[in-house]
Amino acid sequence: MLAGGSGTRMGADKPKQFIEIGGKAILHHTLDRFVSACPDIRIITVLPEGWKQAWTDYCYERNLVYPQKLVSGGITRFHSVKNAMEKVPDGAVVAVHDGVRPLLSGKMIVRLFTEAGTNPAVVPVVPVVDTVKVLEKEKTADGQVHLVPVPGERADRSRLYAAQTPQIFWSEILKEAYAQPYSPEFTDDASVVERCGIAIKYPEGEKYNVKITTPDDMVLADALLGSR
């Protein structure tokens, strides 16, 4: 469970994974989803170094009885997952999930793990429904920055999909992938695994499996978690 970010875009006094919705931290909601769907799951939680004790205290106070291995996050997402992989045994199926995606359903979790029974790499995706523009930043003589279209380039929306988590892999494959040197092109686990030439299966994700990043996302999460 990746919860090692600082969440600066939220503008709160704590990382967004620890902000409470309905009396529970976002990370707590997310973990509950997985434990409810897969009671025997083994959890490795990646946290900012300075927040590990705070999360330990939270779990003790809330009586979170499911065991977790706590790992310190790295300077990038790549390094955070790499740190967590040191705790993963061979012969396992590993789901890497964003701790601030608490809105996925248990059915989705079970469905993806089932897919991973016969596929070594499974990454959920959803189609991009908005019109997409190919733009670049251009600075004018007065120092102002504007977005301008790139001549001759057009995004074909019918071929564009947004990747979600959990991204699920056989542990040996993921360990081999994260033995590679870091590249800025590694934006998710799929991009790391693809560099090793592994074929990925892309089943459909869920519309509301959003990553909570901004205050507007909090409003959506509050409404959906409350309805559930």
Protein backbone atom coordinates (compact mmCIF):
# COMPACT_ATOMS: atom_id res chain seq x y z
CA MET A 1 0.00 0.00 0.00
CA LEU A 2 1.68 3.19 -1.20
CA ALA A 3 1.11 6.02 1.27
CA GLY A 4 4.53 7.65 1.25
CA GLY A 5 3.63 10.96 -0.40
CA SER A 6 3.48 14.37 1.20
CA GLY A 7 0.25 15.45 -0.48
CA THR A 8 1.26 19.09 -0.91
CA ARG A 9 -1.52 19.83 -3.43
CA MET A 10 -4.13 19.19 -0.75
CA GLY A 11 -2.99 22.22 1.25
CA ALA A 12 -3.57 20.45 4.57
CA ASP A 13 -1.40 20.30 7.68
CA LYS A 14 -0.80 16.59 7.19
CA PRO A 15 -0.27 14.20 4.26
CA LYS A 16 -3.57 13.49 2.53
CA GLN A 17 -3.55 9.78 3.38
CA PHE A 18 -4.02 10.71 7.05
CA ILE A 19 -6.87 13.17 6.52
CA GLU A 20 -10.10 11.78 7.93
CA ILE A 21 -13.35 11.26 6.08
CA GLY A 22 -16.30 10.13 8.17
CA GLY A 23 -14.09 9.71 11.21
CA LYS A 24 -11.51 7.46 9.49
CA ALA A 25 -8.24 8.28 7.75
CA ILE A 26 -8.29 7.87 3.96
CA LEU A 27 -5.61 5.20 4.27
CA HIS A 28 -7.77 3.36 6.83
CA HIS A 29 -10.70 3.31 4.36
CA THR A 30 -8.41 1.95 1.63
CA LEU A 31 -6.95 -0.82 3.79
CA ASP A 32 -10.43 -1.85 4.89
CA ARG A 33 -11.40 -2.37 1.26
CA PHE A 34 -8.61 -4.88 0.72
CA VAL A 35 -8.98 -6.70 4.02
CA SER A 36 -12.73 -7.07 3.50
CA ALA A 37 -12.22 -8.42 -0.03
CA CYS A 38 -9.24 -10.67 0.79
CA PRO A 39 -9.15 -11.48 4.55
CA ASP A 40 -5.85 -13.38 4.26
CA ILE A 41 -4.01 -10.56 2.50
CA ARG A 42 -0.60 -9.53 3.88
CA ILE A 43 -0.15 -5.78 3.96
CA ILE A 44 3.03 -3.78 3.45
CA THR A 45 2.35 -0.08 4.06
CA VAL A 46 4.79 2.50 2.70
CA LEU A 47 4.76 5.70 4.76
CA PRO A 48 6.70 8.97 5.01
CA GLU A 49 9.56 8.43 7.45
CA GLY A 50 8.29 11.02 9.91
CA TRP A 51 4.77 9.58 10.03
CA LYS A 52 5.38 5.91 10.83
CA GLN A 53 4.92 6.39 14.57
CA ALA A 54 1.82 8.51 14.06
CA TRP A 55 0.27 5.75 11.94
CA THR A 56 1.24 3.12 14.50
CA ASP A 57 -0.48 5.17 17.20
CA TYR A 58 -3.55 5.63 15.00
CA CYS A 59 -3.83 1.87 14.37
CA TYR A 60 -3.48 1.14 18.08
CA GLU A 61 -6.11 3.71 19.03
CA ARG A 62 -8.56 2.46 16.36
CA ASN A 63 -7.88 -1.21 17.09
CA LEU A 64 -6.82 -2.04 13.54
CA VAL A 65 -6.12 -5.67 14.19
CA TYR A 66 -4.79 -6.68 10.77
CA PRO A 67 -0.97 -6.82 10.81
CA GLN A 68 1.11 -4.51 8.63
CA LYS A 69 4.77 -4.24 7.78
CA LEU A 70 5.71 -0.56 7.72
CA VAL A 71 8.28 0.62 5.18
CA SER A 72 9.76 4.07 4.65
CA GLY A 73 8.96 5.79 1.38
CA GLY A 74 11.64 6.82 -1.09
CA ILE A 75 12.34 10.00 -3.02
CA THR A 76 10.05 8.85 -5.88
CA ARG A 77 7.23 6.36 -6.32
CA PHE A 78 9.75 3.99 -7.93
CA HIS A 79 11.97 4.04 -4.87
CA SER A 80 9.01 3.57 -2.51
CA VAL A 81 7.89 0.41 -4.31
CA LYS A 82 11.50 -0.78 -4.48
CA ASN A 83 11.76 -0.43 -0.69
CA ALA A 84 8.55 -2.40 -0.20
CA MET A 85 9.67 -5.20 -2.52
CA GLU A 86 12.44 -6.06 -0.09
CA LYS A 87 9.70 -7.37 2.23
CA VAL A 88 7.92 -9.46 -0.41
CA PRO A 89 8.63 -13.21 -0.62
CA ASP A 90 9.00 -15.15 -3.85
CA GLY A 91 5.97 -17.02 -5.09
CA ALA A 92 3.56 -14.25 -4.12
CA VAL A 93 1.05 -12.18 -6.05
CA VAL A 94 1.66 -8.49 -5.34
CA ALA A 95 -0.95 -5.74 -5.60
CA VAL A 96 0.54 -2.24 -5.62
CA HIS A 97 -2.18 0.26 -4.72
CA ASP A 98 -2.31 3.97 -3.99
CA GLY A 99 -3.29 4.50 -0.37
CA VAL A 100 -5.42 7.48 -1.43
CA ARG A 101 -7.68 5.46 -3.71
CA PRO A 102 -10.29 4.36 -1.13
CA LEU A 103 -13.29 4.18 -3.47
CA LEU A 104 -12.66 0.95 -5.37
CA SER A 105 -15.05 -1.93 -4.79
CA GLY A 106 -14.29 -5.29 -3.25
CA LYS A 107 -15.58 -6.92 -6.44
CA MET A 108 -12.91 -5.12 -8.43
CA ILE A 109 -10.16 -6.27 -6.06
CA VAL A 110 -11.28 -9.91 -6.26
CA ARG A 111 -11.68 -9.71 -10.05
CA LEU A 112 -8.15 -8.38 -10.54
CA PHE A 113 -6.59 -10.99 -8.27
CA THR A 114 -8.47 -13.66 -10.23
CA GLU A 115 -7.03 -12.26 -13.47
CA ALA A 116 -3.56 -12.39 -11.92
CA GLY A 117 -3.95 -16.12 -11.32
CA THR A 118 -3.17 -16.74 -14.99
CA ASN A 119 -1.62 -13.43 -16.04
CA PRO A 120 1.70 -12.26 -14.55
CA ALA A 121 0.90 -8.55 -14.95
CA VAL A 122 -2.58 -7.02 -14.60
CA VAL A 123 -3.27 -3.27 -14.77
CA PRO A 124 -6.82 -1.83 -14.65
CA VAL A 125 -7.63 0.99 -17.04
CA VAL A 126 -10.58 3.24 -17.84
CA PRO A 127 -11.24 5.01 -21.15
CA VAL A 128 -10.49 8.73 -21.37
CA VAL A 129 -13.87 10.39 -21.94
CA ASP A 130 -12.84 14.04 -22.20
CA THR A 131 -11.57 15.64 -25.39
CA VAL A 132 -7.78 15.70 -25.16
CA LYS A 133 -5.66 18.56 -26.52
CA VAL A 134 -1.95 18.31 -27.33
CA LEU A 135 -0.48 21.56 -25.99
CA GLU A 136 2.88 22.92 -24.96
CA LYS A 137 3.98 25.86 -22.83
CA GLU A 138 5.25 28.93 -24.62
CA LYS A 139 6.78 31.96 -22.93
CA THR A 140 6.17 35.32 -24.53
CA ALA A 141 8.55 38.28 -24.60
CA ASP A 142 6.91 39.77 -21.51
CA GLY A 143 7.55 36.61 -19.52
CA GLN A 144 3.98 35.31 -19.57
CA VAL A 145 3.46 31.58 -20.12
CA HIS A 146 0.66 30.40 -22.40
CA LEU A 147 -0.52 27.01 -23.60
CA VAL A 148 -0.46 26.70 -27.38
CA PRO A 149 -1.39 23.80 -29.70
CA VAL A 150 1.34 21.64 -31.18
CA PRO A 151 1.03 21.87 -34.98
CA GLY A 152 0.08 18.61 -36.66
CA GLU A 153 -0.51 16.67 -33.44
CA ARG A 154 -3.90 15.40 -32.36
CA ALA A 155 -4.75 12.93 -29.63
CA ASP A 156 -7.07 10.11 -30.69
CA ARG A 157 -9.33 9.76 -27.65
CA SER A 158 -10.57 6.34 -28.77
CA ARG A 159 -7.08 4.95 -28.10
CA LEU A 160 -6.43 6.66 -24.77
CA TYR A 161 -6.94 4.97 -21.41
CA ALA A 162 -6.05 6.05 -17.90
CA ALA A 163 -4.22 3.52 -15.75
CA GLN A 164 -5.44 2.87 -12.20
CA THR A 165 -4.31 0.81 -9.25
CA PRO A 166 -4.12 -1.81 -7.86
CA GLN A 167 -1.60 -3.02 -10.41
CA ILE A 168 -1.00 -6.70 -9.75
CA PHE A 169 2.07 -8.78 -10.60
CA TRP A 170 3.76 -12.06 -9.82
CA SER A 171 6.43 -11.19 -7.27
CA GLU A 172 9.42 -12.54 -9.21
CA ILE A 173 8.53 -10.37 -12.19
CA LEU A 174 8.09 -7.25 -10.09
CA LYS A 175 11.35 -7.84 -8.21
CA GLU A 176 13.23 -8.20 -11.48
CA ALA A 177 11.63 -5.05 -12.86
CA TYR A 178 12.56 -2.99 -9.79
CA ALA A 179 16.16 -4.18 -9.99
CA GLN A 180 16.52 -1.82 -12.96
CA PRO A 181 18.08 1.62 -12.55
CA TYR A 182 15.55 4.40 -12.02
CA SER A 183 14.25 6.31 -15.03
CA PRO A 184 12.00 9.40 -15.04
CA GLU A 185 9.85 7.49 -17.54
CA PHE A 186 8.75 5.13 -14.74
CA THR A 187 5.46 6.75 -13.75
CA ASP A 188 3.75 3.59 -12.49
CA ASP A 189 4.51 -0.10 -12.00
CA ALA A 190 3.29 -0.98 -15.48
CA SER A 191 5.90 1.28 -17.06
CA VAL A 192 8.63 -0.39 -14.99
CA VAL A 193 7.51 -3.90 -15.90
CA GLU A 194 7.04 -3.06 -19.58
CA ARG A 195 10.72 -2.07 -19.77
CA CYS A 196 11.49 -5.75 -19.07
CA GLY A 197 9.39 -6.86 -22.04
CA ILE A 198 6.56 -8.35 -19.96
CA ALA A 199 3.13 -8.42 -21.61
CA ILE A 200 0.46 -6.73 -19.49
CA LYS A 201 -3.24 -7.51 -19.42
CA TYR A 202 -5.47 -4.43 -19.18
CA PRO A 203 -8.91 -5.24 -17.72
CA GLU A 204 -11.48 -2.53 -17.12
CA GLY A 205 -11.17 -0.51 -13.93
CA GLU A 206 -13.85 1.51 -12.17
CA LYS A 207 -14.99 5.07 -12.85
CA TYR A 208 -14.92 6.13 -9.20
CA ASN A 209 -11.60 4.50 -8.35
CA VAL A 210 -10.08 7.97 -8.28
CA LYS A 211 -6.89 9.11 -6.61
CA ILE A 212 -7.63 11.75 -3.99
CA THR A 213 -5.29 14.63 -4.76
CA THR A 214 -7.13 17.94 -4.33
CA PRO A 215 -9.82 19.35 -2.01
CA ASP A 216 -12.39 18.80 -4.78
CA ASP A 217 -11.54 15.09 -4.73
CA MET A 218 -12.24 15.11 -0.99
CA VAL A 219 -15.78 16.33 -1.62
CA LEU A 220 -16.38 13.44 -4.04
CA ALA A 221 -14.84 10.90 -1.67
CA ASP A 222 -16.88 12.17 1.26
CA ALA A 223 -20.10 11.84 -0.73
CA LEU A 224 -19.34 8.36 -2.04
CA LEU A 225 -17.99 6.93 1.21
CA GLY A 226 -20.99 8.33 3.04
CA SER A 227 -23.38 6.69 0.57
CA ARG A 228 -21.71 3.34 1.12
